[in-house]
Amino acid sequence: MQKPRGNTCMIKLQQLKIFQMVAELGSIRSASVALHLTQPALTRSLKELEAAFEVDLIIRGTSGVTLTEVGTVFNYFTECCF
């Protein structure tokens, strides 16, 4: 059996749920409260998810987050999962 080459992608269902909640609420803070997670833990999970796919999924701003074009498509698929 061959080992996978290159960058292996390992994501968790929790990361998908976190992304979906951030997309739905438009805020990392609101999502962290809703999911009973700390903001640093939630942010770390989002960054790991973005790193796994090597794309930016959200744009962080002072008044919340906005989905990137890729993030919008990705959000469609996470909504199908939950």
PDB file of N, CA and C in Angstrom:
ATOM      1  N   MET A   1       0.838  -1.172   0.000  1.00  0.00           N
ATOM      2  CA  MET A   1       0.000   0.000   0.000  1.00  0.00           C
ATOM      3  C   MET A   1       0.890   1.244   0.000  1.00  0.00           C
ATOM      4  N   GLN A   2       0.596   2.182  -0.897  1.00  0.00           N
ATOM      5  CA  GLN A   2       1.413   3.386  -1.001  1.00  0.00           C
ATOM      6  C   GLN A   2       0.970   4.443  -0.006  1.00  0.00           C
ATOM      7  N   LYS A   3       1.939   5.200   0.455  1.00  0.00           N
ATOM      8  CA  LYS A   3       1.635   6.330   1.323  1.00  0.00           C
ATOM      9  C   LYS A   3       1.184   7.495   0.458  1.00  0.00           C
ATOM     10  N   PRO A   4       0.264   8.359   1.001  1.00  0.00           N
ATOM     11  CA  PRO A   4      -0.149   9.520   0.226  1.00  0.00           C
ATOM     12  C   PRO A   4       1.014  10.466  -0.012  1.00  0.00           C
ATOM     13  N   ARG A   5       1.025  11.078  -1.168  1.00  0.00           N
ATOM     14  CA  ARG A   5       2.086  12.035  -1.502  1.00  0.00           C
ATOM     15  C   ARG A   5       1.620  13.458  -1.245  1.00  0.00           C
ATOM     16  N   GLY A   6       2.594  14.322  -1.065  1.00  0.00           N
ATOM     17  CA  GLY A   6       2.292  15.751  -0.951  1.00  0.00           C
ATOM     18  C   GLY A   6       1.566  16.090   0.333  1.00  0.00           C
ATOM     19  N   ASN A   7       0.796  17.155   0.257  1.00  0.00           N
ATOM     20  CA  ASN A   7       0.069  17.668   1.407  1.00  0.00           C
ATOM     21  C   ASN A   7      -1.181  16.826   1.641  1.00  0.00           C
ATOM     22  N   THR A   8      -1.194  16.059   2.724  1.00  0.00           N
ATOM     23  CA  THR A   8      -2.367  15.256   3.025  1.00  0.00           C
ATOM     24  C   THR A   8      -3.381  16.119   3.765  1.00  0.00           C
ATOM     25  N   CYS A   9      -4.617  15.949   3.425  1.00  0.00           N
ATOM     26  CA  CYS A   9      -5.698  16.768   3.973  1.00  0.00           C
ATOM     27  C   CYS A   9      -6.435  15.974   5.038  1.00  0.00           C
ATOM     28  N   MET A  10      -6.380  16.447   6.272  1.00  0.00           N
ATOM     29  CA  MET A  10      -7.097  15.778   7.343  1.00  0.00           C
ATOM     30  C   MET A  10      -7.985  16.805   8.029  1.00  0.00           C
ATOM     31  N   ILE A  11      -9.274  16.693   7.803  1.00  0.00           N
ATOM     32  CA  ILE A  11     -10.202  17.613   8.445  1.00  0.00           C
ATOM     33  C   ILE A  11     -11.135  16.824   9.351  1.00  0.00           C
ATOM     34  N   LYS A  12     -11.747  17.532  10.296  1.00  0.00           N
ATOM     35  CA  LYS A  12     -12.646  16.910  11.257  1.00  0.00           C
ATOM     36  C   LYS A  12     -14.044  17.483  11.076  1.00  0.00           C
ATOM     37  N   LEU A  13     -15.036  16.685  11.422  1.00  0.00           N
ATOM     38  CA  LEU A  13     -16.415  17.165  11.325  1.00  0.00           C
ATOM     39  C   LEU A  13     -16.629  18.408  12.183  1.00  0.00           C
ATOM     40  N   GLN A  14     -15.958  18.477  13.322  1.00  0.00           N
ATOM     41  CA  GLN A  14     -16.095  19.648  14.191  1.00  0.00           C
ATOM     42  C   GLN A  14     -15.643  20.916  13.459  1.00  0.00           C
ATOM     43  N   GLN A  15     -14.579  20.821  12.663  1.00  0.00           N
ATOM     44  CA  GLN A  15     -14.115  21.983  11.909  1.00  0.00           C
ATOM     45  C   GLN A  15     -15.165  22.434  10.895  1.00  0.00           C
ATOM     46  N   LEU A  16     -15.844  21.480  10.278  1.00  0.00           N
ATOM     47  CA  LEU A  16     -16.904  21.824   9.327  1.00  0.00           C
ATOM     48  C   LEU A  16     -18.058  22.517  10.034  1.00  0.00           C
ATOM     49  N   LYS A  17     -18.432  22.009  11.211  1.00  0.00           N
ATOM     50  CA  LYS A  17     -19.515  22.612  11.987  1.00  0.00           C
ATOM     51  C   LYS A  17     -19.134  24.022  12.430  1.00  0.00           C
ATOM     52  N   ILE A  18     -17.889  24.196  12.847  1.00  0.00           N
ATOM     53  CA  ILE A  18     -17.413  25.518  13.257  1.00  0.00           C
ATOM     54  C   ILE A  18     -17.491  26.484  12.087  1.00  0.00           C
ATOM     55  N   PHE A  19     -16.988  26.057  10.931  1.00  0.00           N
ATOM     56  CA  PHE A  19     -17.043  26.921   9.749  1.00  0.00           C
ATOM     57  C   PHE A  19     -18.479  27.282   9.415  1.00  0.00           C
ATOM     58  N   GLN A  20     -19.376  26.296   9.425  1.00  0.00           N
ATOM     59  CA  GLN A  20     -20.776  26.545   9.097  1.00  0.00           C
ATOM     60  C   GLN A  20     -21.400  27.554  10.059  1.00  0.00           C
ATOM     61  N   MET A  21     -21.106  27.428  11.347  1.00  0.00           N
ATOM     62  CA  MET A  21     -21.680  28.340  12.341  1.00  0.00           C
ATOM     63  C   MET A  21     -21.136  29.748  12.165  1.00  0.00           C
ATOM     64  N   VAL A  22     -19.842  29.881  11.878  1.00  0.00           N
ATOM     65  CA  VAL A  22     -19.248  31.201  11.638  1.00  0.00           C
ATOM     66  C   VAL A  22     -19.894  31.833  10.399  1.00  0.00           C
ATOM     67  N   ALA A  23     -20.082  31.031   9.347  1.00  0.00           N
ATOM     68  CA  ALA A  23     -20.704  31.535   8.120  1.00  0.00           C
ATOM     69  C   ALA A  23     -22.148  31.975   8.388  1.00  0.00           C
ATOM     70  N   GLU A  24     -22.872  31.178   9.159  1.00  0.00           N
ATOM     71  CA  GLU A  24     -24.271  31.474   9.449  1.00  0.00           C
ATOM     72  C   GLU A  24     -24.432  32.725  10.303  1.00  0.00           C
ATOM     73  N   LEU A  25     -23.590  32.844  11.331  1.00  0.00           N
ATOM     74  CA  LEU A  25     -23.722  33.961  12.271  1.00  0.00           C
ATOM     75  C   LEU A  25     -22.922  35.189  11.854  1.00  0.00           C
ATOM     76  N   GLY A  26     -21.935  35.009  10.974  1.00  0.00           N
ATOM     77  CA  GLY A  26     -21.139  36.129  10.503  1.00  0.00           C
ATOM     78  C   GLY A  26     -20.183  36.701  11.526  1.00  0.00           C
ATOM     79  N   SER A  27     -19.899  35.915  12.548  1.00  0.00           N
ATOM     80  CA  SER A  27     -19.048  36.408  13.627  1.00  0.00           C
ATOM     81  C   SER A  27     -18.363  35.245  14.332  1.00  0.00           C
ATOM     82  N   ILE A  28     -17.073  35.386  14.537  1.00  0.00           N
ATOM     83  CA  ILE A  28     -16.328  34.357  15.276  1.00  0.00           C
ATOM     84  C   ILE A  28     -16.767  34.352  16.734  1.00  0.00           C
ATOM     85  N   ARG A  29     -16.972  35.524  17.296  1.00  0.00           N
ATOM     86  CA  ARG A  29     -17.391  35.613  18.697  1.00  0.00           C
ATOM     87  C   ARG A  29     -18.746  34.943  18.903  1.00  0.00           C
ATOM     88  N   SER A  30     -19.711  35.257  18.062  1.00  0.00           N
ATOM     89  CA  SER A  30     -21.047  34.668  18.188  1.00  0.00           C
ATOM     90  C   SER A  30     -21.001  33.155  18.015  1.00  0.00           C
ATOM     91  N   ALA A  31     -20.204  32.694  17.071  1.00  0.00           N
ATOM     92  CA  ALA A  31     -20.079  31.255  16.847  1.00  0.00           C
ATOM     93  C   ALA A  31     -19.434  30.574  18.049  1.00  0.00           C
ATOM     94  N   SER A  32     -18.437  31.211  18.643  1.00  0.00           N
ATOM     95  CA  SER A  32     -17.774  30.604  19.799  1.00  0.00           C
ATOM     96  C   SER A  32     -18.749  30.477  20.976  1.00  0.00           C
ATOM     97  N   VAL A  33     -19.602  31.471  21.147  1.00  0.00           N
ATOM     98  CA  VAL A  33     -20.608  31.409  22.222  1.00  0.00           C
ATOM     99  C   VAL A  33     -21.611  30.292  21.918  1.00  0.00           C
ATOM    100  N   ALA A  34     -22.104  30.245  20.685  1.00  0.00           N
ATOM    101  CA  ALA A  34     -23.103  29.247  20.304  1.00  0.00           C
ATOM    102  C   ALA A  34     -22.571  27.822  20.423  1.00  0.00           C
ATOM    103  N   LEU A  35     -21.287  27.633  20.133  1.00  0.00           N
ATOM    104  CA  LEU A  35     -20.682  26.299  20.161  1.00  0.00           C
ATOM    105  C   LEU A  35     -19.998  25.972  21.489  1.00  0.00           C
ATOM    106  N   HIS A  36     -20.030  26.920  22.425  1.00  0.00           N
ATOM    107  CA  HIS A  36     -19.402  26.733  23.739  1.00  0.00           C
ATOM    108  C   HIS A  36     -17.910  26.446  23.611  1.00  0.00           C
ATOM    109  N   LEU A  37     -17.258  27.222  22.749  1.00  0.00           N
ATOM    110  CA  LEU A  37     -15.805  27.130  22.561  1.00  0.00           C
ATOM    111  C   LEU A  37     -15.185  28.492  22.829  1.00  0.00           C
ATOM    112  N   THR A  38     -13.908  28.498  23.173  1.00  0.00           N
ATOM    113  CA  THR A  38     -13.221  29.776  23.309  1.00  0.00           C
ATOM    114  C   THR A  38     -12.923  30.323  21.918  1.00  0.00           C
ATOM    115  N   GLN A  39     -12.796  31.647  21.828  1.00  0.00           N
ATOM    116  CA  GLN A  39     -12.468  32.253  20.543  1.00  0.00           C
ATOM    117  C   GLN A  39     -11.128  31.764  19.993  1.00  0.00           C
ATOM    118  N   PRO A  40     -10.080  31.661  20.818  1.00  0.00           N
ATOM    119  CA  PRO A  40      -8.813  31.168  20.283  1.00  0.00           C
ATOM    120  C   PRO A  40      -8.920  29.744  19.719  1.00  0.00           C
ATOM    121  N   ALA A  41      -9.677  28.875  20.379  1.00  0.00           N
ATOM    122  CA  ALA A  41      -9.836  27.500  19.891  1.00  0.00           C
ATOM    123  C   ALA A  41     -10.588  27.494  18.563  1.00  0.00           C
ATOM    124  N   LEU A  42     -11.613  28.311  18.461  1.00  0.00           N
ATOM    125  CA  LEU A  42     -12.390  28.386  17.233  1.00  0.00           C
ATOM    126  C   LEU A  42     -11.549  28.955  16.094  1.00  0.00           C
ATOM    127  N   THR A  43     -10.806  29.998  16.367  1.00  0.00           N
ATOM    128  CA  THR A  43      -9.942  30.609  15.355  1.00  0.00           C
ATOM    129  C   THR A  43      -8.875  29.627  14.887  1.00  0.00           C
ATOM    130  N   ARG A  44      -8.282  28.898  15.823  1.00  0.00           N
ATOM    131  CA  ARG A  44      -7.268  27.893  15.475  1.00  0.00           C
ATOM    132  C   ARG A  44      -7.872  26.829  14.558  1.00  0.00           C
ATOM    133  N   SER A  45      -9.069  26.386  14.871  1.00  0.00           N
ATOM    134  CA  SER A  45      -9.738  25.378  14.058  1.00  0.00           C
ATOM    135  C   SER A  45     -10.009  25.885  12.645  1.00  0.00           C
ATOM    136  N   LEU A  46     -10.449  27.135  12.517  1.00  0.00           N
ATOM    137  CA  LEU A  46     -10.680  27.729  11.197  1.00  0.00           C
ATOM    138  C   LEU A  46      -9.387  27.827  10.398  1.00  0.00           C
ATOM    139  N   LYS A  47      -8.319  28.255  11.060  1.00  0.00           N
ATOM    140  CA  LYS A  47      -7.031  28.370  10.371  1.00  0.00           C
ATOM    141  C   LYS A  47      -6.510  27.013   9.915  1.00  0.00           C
ATOM    142  N   GLU A  48      -6.721  25.980  10.728  1.00  0.00           N
ATOM    143  CA  GLU A  48      -6.316  24.626  10.341  1.00  0.00           C
ATOM    144  C   GLU A  48      -7.116  24.148   9.136  1.00  0.00           C
ATOM    145  N   LEU A  49      -8.410  24.473   9.107  1.00  0.00           N
ATOM    146  CA  LEU A  49      -9.254  24.096   7.972  1.00  0.00           C
ATOM    147  C   LEU A  49      -8.798  24.804   6.702  1.00  0.00           C
ATOM    148  N   GLU A  50      -8.514  26.093   6.810  1.00  0.00           N
ATOM    149  CA  GLU A  50      -8.016  26.854   5.656  1.00  0.00           C
ATOM    150  C   GLU A  50      -6.664  26.311   5.192  1.00  0.00           C
ATOM    151  N   ALA A  51      -5.825  25.943   6.133  1.00  0.00           N
ATOM    152  CA  ALA A  51      -4.504  25.400   5.779  1.00  0.00           C
ATOM    153  C   ALA A  51      -4.629  24.042   5.094  1.00  0.00           C
ATOM    154  N   ALA A  52      -5.584  23.241   5.531  1.00  0.00           N
ATOM    155  CA  ALA A  52      -5.771  21.919   4.935  1.00  0.00           C
ATOM    156  C   ALA A  52      -6.134  22.026   3.458  1.00  0.00           C
ATOM    157  N   PHE A  53      -6.923  23.030   3.111  1.00  0.00           N
ATOM    158  CA  PHE A  53      -7.331  23.215   1.719  1.00  0.00           C
ATOM    159  C   PHE A  53      -6.478  24.249   0.976  1.00  0.00           C
ATOM    160  N   GLU A  54      -5.575  24.881   1.715  1.00  0.00           N
ATOM    161  CA  GLU A  54      -4.685  25.900   1.150  1.00  0.00           C
ATOM    162  C   GLU A  54      -5.445  27.037   0.463  1.00  0.00           C
ATOM    163  N   VAL A  55      -6.536  27.480   1.109  1.00  0.00           N
ATOM    164  CA  VAL A  55      -7.335  28.611   0.612  1.00  0.00           C
ATOM    165  C   VAL A  55      -7.853  29.414   1.794  1.00  0.00           C
ATOM    166  N   ASP A  56      -8.181  30.673   1.541  1.00  0.00           N
ATOM    167  CA  ASP A  56      -8.878  31.483   2.534  1.00  0.00           C
ATOM    168  C   ASP A  56     -10.370  31.244   2.360  1.00  0.00           C
ATOM    169  N   LEU A  57     -11.037  30.904   3.453  1.00  0.00           N
ATOM    170  CA  LEU A  57     -12.474  30.672   3.400  1.00  0.00           C
ATOM    171  C   LEU A  57     -13.267  31.870   3.888  1.00  0.00           C
ATOM    172  N   ILE A  58     -12.658  32.638   4.787  1.00  0.00           N
ATOM    173  CA  ILE A  58     -13.324  33.828   5.320  1.00  0.00           C
ATOM    174  C   ILE A  58     -12.373  35.014   5.320  1.00  0.00           C
ATOM    175  N   ILE A  59     -12.971  36.184   5.287  1.00  0.00           N
ATOM    176  CA  ILE A  59     -12.218  37.426   5.440  1.00  0.00           C
ATOM    177  C   ILE A  59     -12.616  37.999   6.794  1.00  0.00           C
ATOM    178  N   ARG A  60     -11.634  38.158   7.660  1.00  0.00           N
ATOM    179  CA  ARG A  60     -11.894  38.670   8.996  1.00  0.00           C
ATOM    180  C   ARG A  60     -11.875  40.187   8.958  1.00  0.00           C
ATOM    181  N   GLY A  61     -12.913  40.805   9.504  1.00  0.00           N
ATOM    182  CA  GLY A  61     -12.996  42.258   9.542  1.00  0.00           C
ATOM    183  C   GLY A  61     -13.381  42.736  10.927  1.00  0.00           C
ATOM    184  N   THR A  62     -13.406  44.035  11.110  1.00  0.00           N
ATOM    185  CA  THR A  62     -13.730  44.592  12.424  1.00  0.00           C
ATOM    186  C   THR A  62     -15.197  44.397  12.785  1.00  0.00           C
ATOM    187  N   SER A  63     -16.051  44.249  11.787  1.00  0.00           N
ATOM    188  CA  SER A  63     -17.483  44.090  12.073  1.00  0.00           C
ATOM    189  C   SER A  63     -17.961  42.665  11.790  1.00  0.00           C
ATOM    190  N   GLY A  64     -17.058  41.700  11.816  1.00  0.00           N
ATOM    191  CA  GLY A  64     -17.441  40.315  11.590  1.00  0.00           C
ATOM    192  C   GLY A  64     -16.638  39.683  10.473  1.00  0.00           C
ATOM    193  N   VAL A  65     -17.168  38.616   9.924  1.00  0.00           N
ATOM    194  CA  VAL A  65     -16.481  37.909   8.858  1.00  0.00           C
ATOM    195  C   VAL A  65     -17.341  37.897   7.603  1.00  0.00           C
ATOM    196  N   THR A  66     -16.664  37.795   6.478  1.00  0.00           N
ATOM    197  CA  THR A  66     -17.312  37.666   5.186  1.00  0.00           C
ATOM    198  C   THR A  66     -16.726  36.439   4.507  1.00  0.00           C
ATOM    199  N   LEU A  67     -17.566  35.676   3.843  1.00  0.00           N
ATOM    200  CA  LEU A  67     -17.073  34.505   3.128  1.00  0.00           C
ATOM    201  C   LEU A  67     -16.396  34.923   1.837  1.00  0.00           C
ATOM    202  N   THR A  68     -15.296  34.253   1.522  1.00  0.00           N
ATOM    203  CA  THR A  68     -14.670  34.441   0.217  1.00  0.00           C
ATOM    204  C   THR A  68     -15.521  33.686  -0.806  1.00  0.00           C
ATOM    205  N   GLU A  69     -15.159  33.806  -2.065  1.00  0.00           N
ATOM    206  CA  GLU A  69     -15.893  33.074  -3.102  1.00  0.00           C
ATOM    207  C   GLU A  69     -15.799  31.563  -2.852  1.00  0.00           C
ATOM    208  N   VAL A  70     -14.604  31.112  -2.528  1.00  0.00           N
ATOM    209  CA  VAL A  70     -14.414  29.697  -2.212  1.00  0.00           C
ATOM    210  C   VAL A  70     -15.180  29.336  -0.939  1.00  0.00           C
ATOM    211  N   GLY A  71     -15.161  30.228   0.038  1.00  0.00           N
ATOM    212  CA  GLY A  71     -15.889  30.008   1.282  1.00  0.00           C
ATOM    213  C   GLY A  71     -17.385  29.866   1.066  1.00  0.00           C
ATOM    214  N   THR A  72     -17.925  30.625   0.120  1.00  0.00           N
ATOM    215  CA  THR A  72     -19.347  30.540  -0.190  1.00  0.00           C
ATOM    216  C   THR A  72     -19.697  29.170  -0.759  1.00  0.00           C
ATOM    217  N   VAL A  73     -18.869  28.681  -1.663  1.00  0.00           N
ATOM    218  CA  VAL A  73     -19.092  27.344  -2.239  1.00  0.00           C
ATOM    219  C   VAL A  73     -18.923  26.280  -1.154  1.00  0.00           C
ATOM    220  N   PHE A  74     -17.880  26.421  -0.356  1.00  0.00           N
ATOM    221  CA  PHE A  74     -17.620  25.458   0.717  1.00  0.00           C
ATOM    222  C   PHE A  74     -18.781  25.438   1.706  1.00  0.00           C
ATOM    223  N   ASN A  75     -19.344  26.605   1.998  1.00  0.00           N
ATOM    224  CA  ASN A  75     -20.469  26.699   2.918  1.00  0.00           C
ATOM    225  C   ASN A  75     -21.680  25.924   2.388  1.00  0.00           C
ATOM    226  N   TYR A  76     -21.900  25.972   1.091  1.00  0.00           N
ATOM    227  CA  TYR A  76     -22.994  25.221   0.490  1.00  0.00           C
ATOM    228  C   TYR A  76     -22.849  23.735   0.823  1.00  0.00           C
ATOM    229  N   PHE A  77     -21.640  23.213   0.702  1.00  0.00           N
ATOM    230  CA  PHE A  77     -21.426  21.792   0.970  1.00  0.00           C
ATOM    231  C   PHE A  77     -21.532  21.464   2.463  1.00  0.00           C
ATOM    232  N   THR A  78     -21.103  22.367   3.335  1.00  0.00           N
ATOM    233  CA  THR A  78     -21.229  22.084   4.770  1.00  0.00           C
ATOM    234  C   THR A  78     -22.682  22.113   5.193  1.00  0.00           C
ATOM    235  N   GLU A  79     -23.489  22.955   4.555  1.00  0.00           N
ATOM    236  CA  GLU A  79     -24.927  22.986   4.877  1.00  0.00           C
ATOM    237  C   GLU A  79     -25.588  21.658   4.520  1.00  0.00           C
ATOM    238  N   CYS A  80     -25.092  21.004   3.493  1.00  0.00           N
ATOM    239  CA  CYS A  80     -25.628  19.693   3.111  1.00  0.00           C
ATOM    240  C   CYS A  80     -25.279  18.625   4.142  1.00  0.00           C
ATOM    241  N   CYS A  81     -24.190  18.832   4.868  1.00  0.00           N
ATOM    242  CA  CYS A  81     -23.731  17.838   5.850  1.00  0.00           C
ATOM    243  C   CYS A  81     -24.499  17.921   7.163  1.00  0.00           C
ATOM    244  N   PHE A  82     -24.947  19.115   7.523  1.00  0.00           N
ATOM    245  CA  PHE A  82     -25.568  19.292   8.842  1.00  0.00           C
ATOM    246  C   PHE A  82     -26.996  19.738   8.715  1.00  0.00           C
TER     247      PHE A  82
END
